[in-house]
Amino acid sequence: MATYVLLTTLTSEGRQTLHKNPDRIVEVNKEIEQFGCKVLTQYALLGAHDFLTIIEAPDNETAAHLAVDLGSRGSVIPITLPAMHIDDFIKKLKGPKQMGHG
C-alpha cells in the first residue's frame, strides 16, 4: 500500500458538525478504513489546515476517490499528497539514473 498525506480544512458546516459532535472525527476515520484505506496517524493543526492525516491506500486512484468523496460532503476541503519514505527516496537518488551532473 502507498502512503498519502491528507490535509483537510473544515468548512463552516464542518466546524458546526465537529463542534456539536467531536466524535465525528473517529467516525470518519472508520469510514476511511471501510473505503479500503488505513489511517496511520492523525493530528489536529493550527494554521491553514485543520487536520493532517497519514493514510495508506492501495493506489493513487483510491486516494483520489477518497478525497473526492470526503470533499463532496461539504464539511472539509481535502488536499491529498503522495508520500514516500525518506530511505526509499535516498536509495533512488543514489541509483544509476542521474541527470544534471557531470
Protein backbone atom coordinates (compact mmCIF):
# COMPACT_ATOMS: atom_id res chain seq x y z
CA MET A 1 0.00 0.00 0.00
CA ALA A 2 1.15 3.51 -0.78
CA THR A 3 1.33 6.33 1.79
CA TYR A 4 -0.51 9.64 1.44
CA VAL A 5 -0.73 12.86 3.40
CA LEU A 6 -4.29 14.10 3.66
CA LEU A 7 -4.53 17.78 4.67
CA THR A 8 -8.06 18.87 5.43
CA THR A 9 -9.60 22.23 6.14
CA LEU A 10 -13.01 22.40 7.77
CA THR A 11 -15.75 24.34 6.05
CA SER A 12 -18.23 26.35 8.09
CA GLU A 13 -20.57 23.37 8.00
CA GLY A 14 -17.75 21.07 9.10
CA ARG A 15 -16.90 23.30 12.05
CA GLN A 16 -20.52 23.27 13.17
CA THR A 17 -20.71 19.49 12.85
CA LEU A 18 -17.48 18.96 14.77
CA HIS A 19 -18.48 21.41 17.49
CA LYS A 20 -21.75 19.51 18.03
CA ASN A 21 -20.16 16.05 17.73
CA PRO A 22 -16.38 15.86 18.31
CA ASP A 23 -16.52 12.07 17.94
CA ARG A 24 -17.33 12.63 14.28
CA ILE A 25 -13.56 12.57 13.65
CA VAL A 26 -13.38 8.95 14.81
CA GLU A 27 -16.47 8.06 12.78
CA VAL A 28 -14.93 9.49 9.60
CA ASN A 29 -11.71 7.57 10.24
CA LYS A 30 -13.75 4.35 10.44
CA GLU A 31 -15.41 5.26 7.13
CA ILE A 32 -11.94 5.77 5.60
CA GLU A 33 -10.99 2.28 6.76
CA GLN A 34 -14.18 0.85 5.20
CA PHE A 35 -13.18 2.61 1.97
CA GLY A 36 -10.14 0.32 1.77
CA CYS A 37 -7.60 2.75 3.22
CA LYS A 38 -5.83 2.71 6.57
CA VAL A 39 -5.40 5.69 8.89
CA LEU A 40 -1.85 5.52 10.23
CA THR A 41 -1.90 8.68 12.35
CA GLN A 42 -3.74 11.96 12.62
CA TYR A 43 -3.07 15.40 14.06
CA ALA A 44 -5.18 18.48 14.65
CA LEU A 45 -3.34 21.53 13.33
CA LEU A 46 -3.21 25.25 13.86
CA GLY A 47 -2.88 27.32 10.70
CA ALA A 48 -4.14 26.99 7.15
CA HIS A 49 -5.25 23.36 7.60
CA ASP A 50 -7.21 21.82 10.45
CA PHE A 51 -6.05 18.20 10.23
CA LEU A 52 -3.12 16.19 8.95
CA THR A 53 -3.91 12.53 8.41
CA ILE A 54 -1.41 9.98 7.18
CA ILE A 55 -3.15 7.16 5.35
CA GLU A 56 -2.27 4.11 3.32
CA ALA A 57 -4.24 3.40 0.16
CA PRO A 58 -3.90 0.70 -2.49
CA ASP A 59 -3.17 3.21 -5.27
CA ASN A 60 -3.45 6.83 -6.47
CA GLU A 61 -6.92 6.27 -7.85
CA THR A 62 -8.28 5.08 -4.49
CA ALA A 63 -6.65 8.01 -2.66
CA ALA A 64 -8.10 10.46 -5.19
CA HIS A 65 -11.53 8.82 -4.97
CA LEU A 66 -11.39 9.11 -1.17
CA ALA A 67 -10.55 12.82 -1.42
CA VAL A 68 -13.42 13.43 -3.84
CA ASP A 69 -15.87 11.57 -1.61
CA LEU A 70 -14.73 13.40 1.54
CA GLY A 71 -14.88 16.76 -0.23
CA SER A 72 -18.31 16.06 -1.72
CA ARG A 73 -19.84 16.05 1.77
CA GLY A 74 -19.27 19.78 2.11
CA SER A 75 -17.66 19.55 5.55
CA VAL A 76 -13.97 19.55 4.55
CA ILE A 77 -11.73 20.69 1.73
CA PRO A 78 -9.10 17.99 1.25
CA ILE A 79 -5.62 18.11 -0.25
CA THR A 80 -4.04 14.73 -0.95
CA LEU A 81 -0.29 14.32 -1.39
CA PRO A 82 1.55 11.09 -2.19
CA ALA A 83 4.39 10.49 0.25
CA MET A 84 7.46 8.30 0.18
CA HIS A 85 9.64 7.03 2.96
CA ILE A 86 12.85 9.02 3.13
CA ASP A 87 15.02 5.87 2.94
CA ASP A 88 13.38 4.93 -0.36
CA PHE A 89 13.95 8.44 -1.69
CA ILE A 90 17.64 8.41 -0.72
CA LYS A 91 18.05 4.99 -2.36
CA LYS A 92 16.54 6.34 -5.57
CA LEU A 93 18.86 9.37 -5.50
CA LYS A 94 21.86 7.05 -5.22
CA GLY A 95 20.67 4.93 -8.15
CA PRO A 96 22.32 4.64 -11.57
CA LYS A 97 19.95 7.01 -13.42
CA GLN A 98 21.22 10.54 -12.92
CA MET A 99 20.81 13.80 -14.82
CA GLY A 100 22.46 17.16 -14.34
CA HIS A 101 25.86 16.24 -13.03
CA GLY A 102 28.95 15.53 -14.94
